[in-house]
Full PDB file with SEQRES, HELIX, SHEET, SSBOND, CRYST1, ORIGX, SCALE, CONECT and MASTER records, all heavy atoms in Angstrom:
SEQRES   1 A   40  GLU LEU VAL ALA ASN ILE PHE TYR GLY GLY ASN THR ASN          
SEQRES   2 A   40  TYR ALA ASP SER VAL LYS GLY ARG PHE THR VAL SER ARG          
SEQRES   3 A   40  ASP ASN ALA LYS ASN THR VAL TYR LEU GLN MET ASN SER          
SEQRES   4 A   40  LEU                                                          
HELIX    1 AA1 ASP A   16  VAL A   18  5                                   3    
HELIX    2 AA2 ASN A   28  LYS A   30  5                                   3    
SHEET    1 AA1 2 ALA A   4  ILE A   6  0                                        
SHEET    2 AA1 2 THR A  12  TYR A  14 -1                                        
SHEET    1 AA2 2 PHE A  22  ASP A  27  0                                        
SHEET    2 AA2 2 THR A  32  MET A  37 -1                                        
CRYST1    1.000    1.000    1.000  90.00  90.00  90.00 P 1           1          
ORIGX1      1.000000  0.000000  0.000000        0.00000                         
ORIGX2      0.000000  1.000000  0.000000        0.00000                         
ORIGX3      0.000000  0.000000  1.000000        0.00000                         
SCALE1      1.000000  0.000000  0.000000        0.00000                         
SCALE2      0.000000  1.000000  0.000000        0.00000                         
SCALE3      0.000000  0.000000  1.000000        0.00000                         
ATOM      1  N   GLU A   1      -8.487 -11.206  -2.501  1.00  0.00           N  
ATOM      2  CA  GLU A   1      -7.058 -11.293  -2.777  1.00  0.00           C  
ATOM      3  C   GLU A   1      -6.318 -10.088  -2.203  1.00  0.00           C  
ATOM      4  O   GLU A   1      -6.875  -8.989  -2.123  1.00  0.00           O  
ATOM      5  CB  GLU A   1      -6.800 -11.360  -4.298  1.00  0.00           C  
ATOM      6  CG  GLU A   1      -7.254 -10.137  -5.061  1.00  0.00           C  
ATOM      7  CD  GLU A   1      -6.899 -10.180  -6.532  1.00  0.00           C  
ATOM      8  OE1 GLU A   1      -6.276 -11.155  -6.994  1.00  0.00           O  
ATOM      9  OE2 GLU A   1      -7.236  -9.202  -7.236  1.00  0.00           O  
ATOM     10  N   LEU A   2      -5.057 -10.311  -1.852  1.00  0.00           N  
ATOM     11  CA  LEU A   2      -4.232  -9.229  -1.351  1.00  0.00           C  
ATOM     12  C   LEU A   2      -3.941  -8.235  -2.474  1.00  0.00           C  
ATOM     13  O   LEU A   2      -3.568  -8.624  -3.578  1.00  0.00           O  
ATOM     14  CB  LEU A   2      -2.916  -9.776  -0.800  1.00  0.00           C  
ATOM     15  CG  LEU A   2      -1.876  -8.733  -0.390  1.00  0.00           C  
ATOM     16  CD1 LEU A   2      -2.334  -7.968   0.843  1.00  0.00           C  
ATOM     17  CD2 LEU A   2      -0.527  -9.388  -0.149  1.00  0.00           C  
ATOM     18  N   VAL A   3      -4.099  -6.956  -2.158  1.00  0.00           N  
ATOM     19  CA  VAL A   3      -3.699  -5.895  -3.080  1.00  0.00           C  
ATOM     20  C   VAL A   3      -2.329  -5.355  -2.654  1.00  0.00           C  
ATOM     21  O   VAL A   3      -1.376  -5.338  -3.424  1.00  0.00           O  
ATOM     22  CB  VAL A   3      -4.735  -4.764  -3.104  1.00  0.00           C  
ATOM     23  CG1 VAL A   3      -4.268  -3.633  -4.001  1.00  0.00           C  
ATOM     24  CG2 VAL A   3      -6.091  -5.297  -3.560  1.00  0.00           C  
ATOM     25  N   ALA A   4      -2.250  -4.892  -1.405  1.00  0.00           N  
ATOM     26  CA  ALA A   4      -0.992  -4.350  -0.888  1.00  0.00           C  
ATOM     27  C   ALA A   4      -1.084  -4.251   0.615  1.00  0.00           C  
ATOM     28  O   ALA A   4      -2.176  -4.043   1.167  1.00  0.00           O  
ATOM     29  CB  ALA A   4      -0.713  -2.971  -1.485  1.00  0.00           C  
ATOM     30  N   ASN A   5       0.045  -4.410   1.278  1.00  0.00           N  
ATOM     31  CA  ASN A   5       0.078  -4.126   2.702  1.00  0.00           C  
ATOM     32  C   ASN A   5       1.407  -3.507   3.074  1.00  0.00           C  
ATOM     33  O   ASN A   5       2.369  -3.509   2.294  1.00  0.00           O  
ATOM     34  CB  ASN A   5      -0.263  -5.346   3.565  1.00  0.00           C  
ATOM     35  CG  ASN A   5       0.680  -6.511   3.360  1.00  0.00           C  
ATOM     36  OD1 ASN A   5       1.733  -6.377   2.763  1.00  0.00           O  
ATOM     37  ND2 ASN A   5       0.310  -7.665   3.875  1.00  0.00           N  
ATOM     38  N   ILE A   6       1.433  -2.935   4.275  1.00  0.00           N  
ATOM     39  CA  ILE A   6       2.614  -2.229   4.751  1.00  0.00           C  
ATOM     40  C   ILE A   6       2.783  -2.525   6.232  1.00  0.00           C  
ATOM     41  O   ILE A   6       1.812  -2.491   6.996  1.00  0.00           O  
ATOM     42  CB  ILE A   6       2.500  -0.710   4.475  1.00  0.00           C  
ATOM     43  CG1 ILE A   6       3.738   0.033   4.956  1.00  0.00           C  
ATOM     44  CG2 ILE A   6       1.229  -0.125   5.082  1.00  0.00           C  
ATOM     45  CD1 ILE A   6       3.803   1.488   4.448  1.00  0.00           C  
ATOM     46  N   PHE A   7       4.019  -2.812   6.619  1.00  0.00           N  
ATOM     47  CA  PHE A   7       4.309  -3.142   7.999  1.00  0.00           C  
ATOM     48  C   PHE A   7       4.689  -1.886   8.759  1.00  0.00           C  
ATOM     49  O   PHE A   7       4.958  -0.838   8.170  1.00  0.00           O  
ATOM     50  CB  PHE A   7       5.414  -4.199   8.058  1.00  0.00           C  
ATOM     51  CG  PHE A   7       4.959  -5.537   7.540  1.00  0.00           C  
ATOM     52  CD1 PHE A   7       4.940  -5.796   6.182  1.00  0.00           C  
ATOM     53  CD2 PHE A   7       4.505  -6.516   8.402  1.00  0.00           C  
ATOM     54  CE1 PHE A   7       4.499  -7.019   5.694  1.00  0.00           C  
ATOM     55  CE2 PHE A   7       4.070  -7.738   7.933  1.00  0.00           C  
ATOM     56  CZ  PHE A   7       4.063  -7.985   6.569  1.00  0.00           C  
ATOM     57  N   TYR A   8       4.699  -1.994  10.088  1.00  0.00           N  
ATOM     58  CA  TYR A   8       4.912  -0.822  10.923  1.00  0.00           C  
ATOM     59  C   TYR A   8       6.208  -0.112  10.565  1.00  0.00           C  
ATOM     60  O   TYR A   8       6.270   1.109  10.536  1.00  0.00           O  
ATOM     61  CB  TYR A   8       4.922  -1.229  12.399  1.00  0.00           C  
ATOM     62  CG  TYR A   8       4.931  -0.055  13.350  1.00  0.00           C  
ATOM     63  CD1 TYR A   8       3.742   0.545  13.744  1.00  0.00           C  
ATOM     64  CD2 TYR A   8       6.133   0.457  13.853  1.00  0.00           C  
ATOM     65  CE1 TYR A   8       3.748   1.619  14.616  1.00  0.00           C  
ATOM     66  CE2 TYR A   8       6.146   1.532  14.712  1.00  0.00           C  
ATOM     67  CZ  TYR A   8       4.945   2.106  15.086  1.00  0.00           C  
ATOM     68  OH  TYR A   8       4.949   3.184  15.944  1.00  0.00           O  
ATOM     69  N   GLY A   9       7.243  -0.873  10.215  1.00  0.00           N  
ATOM     70  CA  GLY A   9       8.541  -0.287   9.881  1.00  0.00           C  
ATOM     71  C   GLY A   9       8.637   0.257   8.470  1.00  0.00           C  
ATOM     72  O   GLY A   9       9.633   0.912   8.122  1.00  0.00           O  
ATOM     73  N   GLY A  10       7.611  -0.010   7.654  1.00  0.00           N  
ATOM     74  CA  GLY A  10       7.572   0.546   6.310  1.00  0.00           C  
ATOM     75  C   GLY A  10       7.738  -0.450   5.171  1.00  0.00           C  
ATOM     76  O   GLY A  10       7.553  -0.082   4.013  1.00  0.00           O  
ATOM     77  N   ASN A  11       8.062  -1.690   5.459  1.00  0.00           N  
ATOM     78  CA  ASN A  11       8.145  -2.684   4.381  1.00  0.00           C  
ATOM     79  C   ASN A  11       6.773  -2.891   3.755  1.00  0.00           C  
ATOM     80  O   ASN A  11       5.752  -2.871   4.444  1.00  0.00           O  
ATOM     81  CB  ASN A  11       8.677  -4.008   4.918  1.00  0.00           C  
ATOM     82  CG  ASN A  11      10.144  -3.937   5.299  1.00  0.00           C  
ATOM     83  OD1 ASN A  11      10.884  -3.092   4.806  1.00  0.00           O  
ATOM     84  ND2 ASN A  11      10.577  -4.820   6.183  1.00  0.00           N  
ATOM     85  N   THR A  12       6.772  -3.120   2.447  1.00  0.00           N  
ATOM     86  CA  THR A  12       5.513  -3.256   1.711  1.00  0.00           C  
ATOM     87  C   THR A  12       5.490  -4.516   0.860  1.00  0.00           C  
ATOM     88  O   THR A  12       6.530  -5.059   0.495  1.00  0.00           O  
ATOM     89  CB  THR A  12       5.299  -2.052   0.778  1.00  0.00           C  
ATOM     90  OG1 THR A  12       6.412  -1.953  -0.115  1.00  0.00           O  
ATOM     91  CG2 THR A  12       5.159  -0.761   1.562  1.00  0.00           C  
ATOM     92  N   ASN A  13       4.278  -4.970   0.576  1.00  0.00           N  
ATOM     93  CA  ASN A  13       4.036  -6.064  -0.359  1.00  0.00           C  
ATOM     94  C   ASN A  13       2.956  -5.615  -1.332  1.00  0.00           C  
ATOM     95  O   ASN A  13       1.993  -4.954  -0.922  1.00  0.00           O  
ATOM     96  CB  ASN A  13       3.534  -7.328   0.361  1.00  0.00           C  
ATOM     97  CG  ASN A  13       4.599  -7.966   1.222  1.00  0.00           C  
ATOM     98  OD1 ASN A  13       5.708  -8.198   0.777  1.00  0.00           O  
ATOM     99  ND2 ASN A  13       4.250  -8.233   2.477  1.00  0.00           N  
ATOM    100  N   TYR A  14       3.091  -6.012  -2.597  1.00  0.00           N  
ATOM    101  CA  TYR A  14       2.101  -5.675  -3.610  1.00  0.00           C  
ATOM    102  C   TYR A  14       1.761  -6.914  -4.429  1.00  0.00           C  
ATOM    103  O   TYR A  14       2.635  -7.737  -4.726  1.00  0.00           O  
ATOM    104  CB  TYR A  14       2.635  -4.610  -4.573  1.00  0.00           C  
ATOM    105  CG  TYR A  14       2.799  -3.241  -3.966  1.00  0.00           C  
ATOM    106  CD1 TYR A  14       4.025  -2.845  -3.444  1.00  0.00           C  
ATOM    107  CD2 TYR A  14       1.739  -2.330  -3.943  1.00  0.00           C  
ATOM    108  CE1 TYR A  14       4.197  -1.595  -2.896  1.00  0.00           C  
ATOM    109  CE2 TYR A  14       1.905  -1.064  -3.405  1.00  0.00           C  
ATOM    110  CZ  TYR A  14       3.125  -0.705  -2.882  1.00  0.00           C  
ATOM    111  OH  TYR A  14       3.282   0.548  -2.335  1.00  0.00           O  
ATOM    112  N   ALA A  15       0.517  -7.006  -4.841  1.00  0.00           N  
ATOM    113  CA  ALA A  15       0.149  -7.993  -5.843  1.00  0.00           C  
ATOM    114  C   ALA A  15       0.826  -7.610  -7.157  1.00  0.00           C  
ATOM    115  O   ALA A  15       0.977  -6.426  -7.475  1.00  0.00           O  
ATOM    116  CB  ALA A  15      -1.366  -8.023  -6.034  1.00  0.00           C  
ATOM    117  N   ASP A  16       1.222  -8.607  -7.920  1.00  0.00           N  
ATOM    118  CA  ASP A  16       1.902  -8.335  -9.192  1.00  0.00           C  
ATOM    119  C   ASP A  16       1.047  -7.469 -10.106  1.00  0.00           C  
ATOM    120  O   ASP A  16       1.569  -6.633 -10.851  1.00  0.00           O  
ATOM    121  CB  ASP A  16       2.250  -9.646  -9.891  1.00  0.00           C  
ATOM    122  CG  ASP A  16       3.387 -10.385  -9.213  1.00  0.00           C  
ATOM    123  OD1 ASP A  16       4.125  -9.762  -8.417  1.00  0.00           O  
ATOM    124  OD2 ASP A  16       3.542 -11.595  -9.483  1.00  0.00           O  
ATOM    125  N   SER A  17      -0.258  -7.645 -10.039  1.00  0.00           N  
ATOM    126  CA  SER A  17      -1.156  -6.949 -10.955  1.00  0.00           C  
ATOM    127  C   SER A  17      -1.239  -5.446 -10.685  1.00  0.00           C  
ATOM    128  O   SER A  17      -1.728  -4.702 -11.537  1.00  0.00           O  
ATOM    129  CB  SER A  17      -2.558  -7.554 -10.868  1.00  0.00           C  
ATOM    130  OG  SER A  17      -3.061  -7.446  -9.548  1.00  0.00           O  
ATOM    131  N   VAL A  18      -0.780  -4.999  -9.522  1.00  0.00           N  
ATOM    132  CA  VAL A  18      -0.895  -3.573  -9.197  1.00  0.00           C  
ATOM    133  C   VAL A  18       0.457  -2.893  -9.061  1.00  0.00           C  
ATOM    134  O   VAL A  18       0.520  -1.673  -8.877  1.00  0.00           O  
ATOM    135  CB  VAL A  18      -1.712  -3.351  -7.914  1.00  0.00           C  
ATOM    136  CG1 VAL A  18      -3.071  -4.049  -8.011  1.00  0.00           C  
ATOM    137  CG2 VAL A  18      -0.968  -3.792  -6.671  1.00  0.00           C  
ATOM    138  N   LYS A  19       1.529  -3.646  -9.143  1.00  0.00           N  
ATOM    139  CA  LYS A  19       2.862  -3.055  -8.996  1.00  0.00           C  
ATOM    140  C   LYS A  19       3.081  -1.968 -10.047  1.00  0.00           C  
ATOM    141  O   LYS A  19       2.770  -2.148 -11.223  1.00  0.00           O  
ATOM    142  CB  LYS A  19       3.937  -4.129  -9.130  1.00  0.00           C  
ATOM    143  CG  LYS A  19       4.062  -5.034  -7.909  1.00  0.00           C  
ATOM    144  CD  LYS A  19       5.155  -6.084  -8.099  1.00  0.00           C  
ATOM    145  CE  LYS A  19       5.263  -6.975  -6.870  1.00  0.00           C  
ATOM    146  NZ  LYS A  19       6.277  -8.047  -7.049  1.00  0.00           N  
ATOM    147  N   GLY A  20       3.606  -0.841  -9.591  1.00  0.00           N  
ATOM    148  CA  GLY A  20       3.853   0.279 -10.486  1.00  0.00           C  
ATOM    149  C   GLY A  20       2.662   1.191 -10.676  1.00  0.00           C  
ATOM    150  O   GLY A  20       2.799   2.282 -11.248  1.00  0.00           O  
ATOM    151  N   ARG A  21       1.483   0.760 -10.224  1.00  0.00           N  
ATOM    152  CA  ARG A  21       0.275   1.584 -10.370  1.00  0.00           C  
ATOM    153  C   ARG A  21      -0.283   2.017  -9.003  1.00  0.00           C  
ATOM    154  O   ARG A  21      -0.831   3.115  -8.885  1.00  0.00           O  
ATOM    155  CB  ARG A  21      -0.793   0.814 -11.127  1.00  0.00           C  
ATOM    156  CG  ARG A  21      -0.382   0.396 -12.522  1.00  0.00           C  
ATOM    157  CD  ARG A  21      -1.579  -0.197 -13.289  1.00  0.00           C  
ATOM    158  NE  ARG A  21      -2.092  -1.417 -12.670  1.00  0.00           N  
ATOM    159  CZ  ARG A  21      -3.355  -1.563 -12.260  1.00  0.00           C  
ATOM    160  NH1 ARG A  21      -4.225  -0.573 -12.397  1.00  0.00           N  
ATOM    161  NH2 ARG A  21      -3.750  -2.713 -11.725  1.00  0.00           N  
ATOM    162  N   PHE A  22      -0.186   1.155  -8.020  1.00  0.00           N  
ATOM    163  CA  PHE A  22      -0.742   1.430  -6.692  1.00  0.00           C  
ATOM    164  C   PHE A  22       0.397   1.675  -5.710  1.00  0.00           C  
ATOM    165  O   PHE A  22       1.470   1.070  -5.808  1.00  0.00           O  
ATOM    166  CB  PHE A  22      -1.553   0.246  -6.182  1.00  0.00           C  
ATOM    167  CG  PHE A  22      -2.842  -0.003  -6.913  1.00  0.00           C  
ATOM    168  CD1 PHE A  22      -3.160   0.629  -8.095  1.00  0.00           C  
ATOM    169  CD2 PHE A  22      -3.765  -0.913  -6.400  1.00  0.00           C  
ATOM    170  CE1 PHE A  22      -4.347   0.384  -8.762  1.00  0.00           C  
ATOM    171  CE2 PHE A  22      -4.961  -1.168  -7.039  1.00  0.00           C  
ATOM    172  CZ  PHE A  22      -5.237  -0.518  -8.236  1.00  0.00           C  
ATOM    173  N   THR A  23       0.125   2.527  -4.734  1.00  0.00           N  
ATOM    174  CA  THR A  23       1.082   2.796  -3.665  1.00  0.00           C  
ATOM    175  C   THR A  23       0.371   2.754  -2.318  1.00  0.00           C  
ATOM    176  O   THR A  23      -0.616   3.465  -2.119  1.00  0.00           O  
ATOM    177  CB  THR A  23       1.750   4.168  -3.838  1.00  0.00           C  
ATOM    178  OG1 THR A  23       2.400   4.234  -5.111  1.00  0.00           O  
ATOM    179  CG2 THR A  23       2.786   4.399  -2.747  1.00  0.00           C  
ATOM    180  N   VAL A  24       0.871   1.908  -1.424  1.00  0.00           N  
ATOM    181  CA  VAL A  24       0.320   1.825  -0.073  1.00  0.00           C  
ATOM    182  C   VAL A  24       1.227   2.633   0.868  1.00  0.00           C  
ATOM    183  O   VAL A  24       2.460   2.606   0.732  1.00  0.00           O  
ATOM    184  CB  VAL A  24       0.187   0.356   0.389  1.00  0.00           C  
ATOM    185  CG1 VAL A  24       1.539  -0.330   0.487  1.00  0.00           C  
ATOM    186  CG2 VAL A  24      -0.566   0.279   1.714  1.00  0.00           C  
ATOM    187  N   SER A  25       0.593   3.342   1.795  1.00  0.00           N  
ATOM    188  CA  SER A  25       1.353   4.116   2.776  1.00  0.00           C  
ATOM    189  C   SER A  25       0.559   4.146   4.079  1.00  0.00           C  
ATOM    190  O   SER A  25      -0.616   3.761   4.111  1.00  0.00           O  
ATOM    191  CB  SER A  25       1.609   5.534   2.268  1.00  0.00           C  
ATOM    192  OG  SER A  25       0.396   6.211   2.021  1.00  0.00           O  
ATOM    193  N   ARG A  26       1.208   4.576   5.144  1.00  0.00           N  
ATOM    194  CA  ARG A  26       0.495   4.651   6.417  1.00  0.00           C  
ATOM    195  C   ARG A  26       1.053   5.783   7.264  1.00  0.00           C  
ATOM    196  O   ARG A  26       2.203   6.199   7.104  1.00  0.00           O  
ATOM    197  CB  ARG A  26       0.580   3.320   7.178  1.00  0.00           C  
ATOM    198  CG  ARG A  26       1.956   2.930   7.645  1.00  0.00           C  
ATOM    199  CD  ARG A  26       1.984   1.506   8.164  1.00  0.00           C  
ATOM    200  NE  ARG A  26       1.429   1.382   9.527  1.00  0.00           N  
ATOM    201  CZ  ARG A  26       1.269   0.229  10.158  1.00  0.00           C  
ATOM    202  NH1 ARG A  26       1.580  -0.903   9.550  1.00  0.00           N  
ATOM    203  NH2 ARG A  26       0.804   0.198  11.391  1.00  0.00           N  
ATOM    204  N   ASP A  27       0.189   6.265   8.126  1.00  0.00           N  
ATOM    205  CA  ASP A  27       0.555   7.273   9.118  1.00  0.00           C  
ATOM    206  C   ASP A  27       0.373   6.602  10.478  1.00  0.00           C  
ATOM    207  O   ASP A  27      -0.755   6.454  10.944  1.00  0.00           O  
ATOM    208  CB  ASP A  27      -0.345   8.502   8.963  1.00  0.00           C  
ATOM    209  CG  ASP A  27       0.047   9.631   9.907  1.00  0.00           C  
ATOM    210  OD1 ASP A  27       0.581   9.349  11.000  1.00  0.00           O  
ATOM    211  OD2 ASP A  27      -0.206  10.801   9.566  1.00  0.00           O  
ATOM    212  N   ASN A  28       1.469   6.196  11.089  1.00  0.00           N  
ATOM    213  CA  ASN A  28       1.364   5.457  12.342  1.00  0.00           C  
ATOM    214  C   ASN A  28       0.778   6.304  13.465  1.00  0.00           C  
ATOM    215  O   ASN A  28       0.075   5.791  14.338  1.00  0.00           O  
ATOM    216  CB  ASN A  28       2.734   4.912  12.750  1.00  0.00           C  
ATOM    217  CG  ASN A  28       3.213   3.810  11.828  1.00  0.00           C  
ATOM    218  OD1 ASN A  28       2.416   3.048  11.276  1.00  0.00           O  
ATOM    219  ND2 ASN A  28       4.520   3.721  11.640  1.00  0.00           N  
ATOM    220  N   ALA A  29       1.058   7.586  13.439  1.00  0.00           N  
ATOM    221  CA  ALA A  29       0.526   8.466  14.484  1.00  0.00           C  
ATOM    222  C   ALA A  29      -1.000   8.540  14.412  1.00  0.00           C  
ATOM    223  O   ALA A  29      -1.668   8.719  15.439  1.00  0.00           O  
ATOM    224  CB  ALA A  29       1.129   9.853  14.355  1.00  0.00           C  
ATOM    225  N   LYS A  30      -1.546   8.408  13.227  1.00  0.00           N  
ATOM    226  CA  LYS A  30      -3.000   8.482  13.030  1.00  0.00           C  
ATOM    227  C   LYS A  30      -3.638   7.107  12.878  1.00  0.00           C  
ATOM    228  O   LYS A  30      -4.853   7.023  12.675  1.00  0.00           O  
ATOM    229  CB  LYS A  30      -3.320   9.326  11.801  1.00  0.00           C  
ATOM    230  CG  LYS A  30      -2.896  10.783  11.906  1.00  0.00           C  
ATOM    231  CD  LYS A  30      -3.284  11.542  10.649  1.00  0.00           C  
ATOM    232  CE  LYS A  30      -2.898  13.016  10.760  1.00  0.00           C  
ATOM    233  NZ  LYS A  30      -3.252  13.773   9.525  1.00  0.00           N  
ATOM    234  N   ASN A  31      -2.820   6.044  12.941  1.00  0.00           N  
ATOM    235  CA  ASN A  31      -3.346   4.682  12.731  1.00  0.00           C  
ATOM    236  C   ASN A  31      -4.167   4.607  11.452  1.00  0.00           C  
ATOM    237  O   ASN A  31      -5.264   4.040  11.422  1.00  0.00           O  
ATOM    238  CB  ASN A  31      -4.184   4.234  13.920  1.00  0.00           C  
ATOM    239  CG  ASN A  31      -3.359   4.044  15.168  1.00  0.00           C  
ATOM    240  OD1 ASN A  31      -2.305   3.418  15.134  1.00  0.00           O  
ATOM    241  ND2 ASN A  31      -3.820   4.598  16.269  1.00  0.00           N  
ATOM    242  N   THR A  32      -3.635   5.166  10.400  1.00  0.00           N  
ATOM    243  CA  THR A  32      -4.344   5.246   9.128  1.00  0.00           C  
ATOM    244  C   THR A  32      -3.464   4.680   8.020  1.00  0.00           C  
ATOM    245  O   THR A  32      -2.257   4.945   7.980  1.00  0.00           O  
ATOM    246  CB  THR A  32      -4.727   6.688   8.810  1.00  0.00           C  
ATOM    247  OG1 THR A  32      -5.580   7.181   9.848  1.00  0.00           O  
ATOM    248  CG2 THR A  32      -5.468   6.776   7.485  1.00  0.00           C  
ATOM    249  N   VAL A  33      -4.105   3.919   7.137  1.00  0.00           N  
ATOM    250  CA  VAL A  33      -3.420   3.379   5.965  1.00  0.00           C  
ATOM    251  C   VAL A  33      -4.119   3.915   4.723  1.00  0.00           C  
ATOM    252  O   VAL A  33      -5.345   4.117   4.714  1.00  0.00           O  
ATOM    253  CB  VAL A  33      -3.398   1.834   5.984  1.00  0.00           C  
ATOM    254  CG1 VAL A  33      -4.805   1.238   5.923  1.00  0.00           C  
ATOM    255  CG2 VAL A  33      -2.523   1.277   4.878  1.00  0.00           C  
ATOM    256  N   TYR A  34      -3.337   4.160   3.689  1.00  0.00           N  
ATOM    257  CA  TYR A  34      -3.832   4.730   2.442  1.00  0.00           C  
ATOM    258  C   TYR A  34      -3.481   3.808   1.272  1.00  0.00           C  
ATOM    259  O   TYR A  34      -2.503   3.064   1.326  1.00  0.00           O  
ATOM    260  CB  TYR A  34      -3.211   6.104   2.187  1.00  0.00           C  
ATOM    261  CG  TYR A  34      -3.357   7.068   3.337  1.00  0.00           C  
ATOM    262  CD1 TYR A  34      -2.357   7.206   4.297  1.00  0.00           C  
ATOM    263  CD2 TYR A  34      -4.509   7.851   3.474  1.00  0.00           C  
ATOM    264  CE1 TYR A  34      -2.486   8.091   5.349  1.00  0.00           C  
ATOM    265  CE2 TYR A  34      -4.646   8.726   4.519  1.00  0.00           C  
ATOM    266  CZ  TYR A  34      -3.638   8.842   5.456  1.00  0.00           C  
ATOM    267  OH  TYR A  34      -3.776   9.722   6.508  1.00  0.00           O  
ATOM    268  N   LEU A  35      -4.267   3.911   0.217  1.00  0.00           N  
ATOM    269  CA  LEU A  35      -3.957   3.219  -1.030  1.00  0.00           C  
ATOM    270  C   LEU A  35      -4.195   4.195  -2.168  1.00  0.00           C  
ATOM    271  O   LEU A  35      -5.335   4.536  -2.472  1.00  0.00           O  
ATOM    272  CB  LEU A  35      -4.823   1.957  -1.214  1.00  0.00           C  
ATOM    273  CG  LEU A  35      -4.458   1.107  -2.425  1.00  0.00           C  
ATOM    274  CD1 LEU A  35      -3.080   0.479  -2.242  1.00  0.00           C  
ATOM    275  CD2 LEU A  35      -5.521   0.022  -2.661  1.00  0.00           C  
ATOM    276  N   GLN A  36      -3.115   4.650  -2.775  1.00  0.00           N  
ATOM    277  CA  GLN A  36      -3.206   5.514  -3.952  1.00  0.00           C  
ATOM    278  C   GLN A  36      -3.236   4.615  -5.179  1.00  0.00           C  
ATOM    279  O   GLN A  36      -2.297   3.830  -5.403  1.00  0.00           O  
ATOM    280  CB  GLN A  36      -2.002   6.460  -4.020  1.00  0.00           C  
ATOM    281  CG  GLN A  36      -1.997   7.347  -5.243  1.00  0.00           C  
ATOM    282  CD  GLN A  36      -3.143   8.343  -5.253  1.00  0.00           C  
ATOM    283  OE1 GLN A  36      -3.460   8.952  -4.231  1.00  0.00           O  
ATOM    284  NE2 GLN A  36      -3.780   8.512  -6.404  1.00  0.00           N  
ATOM    285  N   MET A  37      -4.305   4.719  -5.941  1.00  0.00           N  
ATOM    286  CA  MET A  37      -4.489   3.863  -7.113  1.00  0.00           C  
ATOM    287  C   MET A  37      -4.481   4.717  -8.356  1.00  0.00           C  
ATOM    288  O   MET A  37      -5.361   5.565  -8.543  1.00  0.00           O  
ATOM    289  CB  MET A  37      -5.815   3.095  -6.998  1.00  0.00           C  
ATOM    290  CG  MET A  37      -5.921   2.280  -5.721  1.00  0.00           C  
ATOM    291  SD  MET A  37      -7.416   1.260  -5.653  1.00  0.00           S  
ATOM    292  CE  MET A  37      -8.668   2.533  -5.527  1.00  0.00           C  
ATOM    293  N   ASN A  38      -3.502   4.516  -9.218  1.00  0.00           N  
ATOM    294  CA  ASN A  38      -3.371   5.242 -10.478  1.00  0.00           C  
ATOM    295  C   ASN A  38      -3.514   4.290 -11.648  1.00  0.00           C  
ATOM    296  O   ASN A  38      -3.395   3.072 -11.494  1.00  0.00           O  
ATOM    297  CB  ASN A  38      -2.012   5.936 -10.528  1.00  0.00           C  
ATOM    298  CG  ASN A  38      -1.823   6.959  -9.431  1.00  0.00           C  
ATOM    299  OD1 ASN A  38      -2.775   7.621  -8.995  1.00  0.00           O  
ATOM    300  ND2 ASN A  38      -0.597   7.116  -8.977  1.00  0.00           N  
ATOM    301  N   SER A  39      -3.743   4.847 -12.805  1.00  0.00           N  
ATOM    302  CA  SER A  39      -3.873   4.049 -14.037  1.00  0.00           C  
ATOM    303  C   SER A  39      -4.842   2.889 -13.829  1.00  0.00           C  
ATOM    304  O   SER A  39      -4.541   1.738 -14.186  1.00  0.00           O  
ATOM    305  CB  SER A  39      -2.502   3.533 -14.477  1.00  0.00           C  
ATOM    306  OG  SER A  39      -1.607   4.598 -14.694  1.00  0.00           O  
ATOM    307  N   LEU A  40      -5.986   3.181 -13.276  1.00  0.00           N  
ATOM    308  CA  LEU A  40      -6.947   2.129 -12.948  1.00  0.00           C  
ATOM    309  C   LEU A  40      -7.470   1.430 -14.193  1.00  0.00           C  
ATOM    310  O   LEU A  40      -7.631   2.052 -15.260  1.00  0.00           O  
ATOM    311  CB  LEU A  40      -8.100   2.707 -12.139  1.00  0.00           C  
ATOM    312  CG  LEU A  40      -7.761   2.951 -10.669  1.00  0.00           C  
ATOM    313  CD1 LEU A  40      -8.725   3.950 -10.044  1.00  0.00           C  
ATOM    314  CD2 LEU A  40      -7.796   1.630  -9.905  1.00  0.00           C  
TER     315      LEU A  40                                                      
MASTER        0    0    0    2    4    0    0    6  314    1    0    4          
END                                                                             
């Protein structure tokens, strides 16, 4: 199942179950995506 994704311009999508707890981000220069997961 989808948890979260982020588009090149910065738009994001989250599963309802993780909204407010998880944060997706990316560094385009490094071609790297991150997922910060809190309140697991």
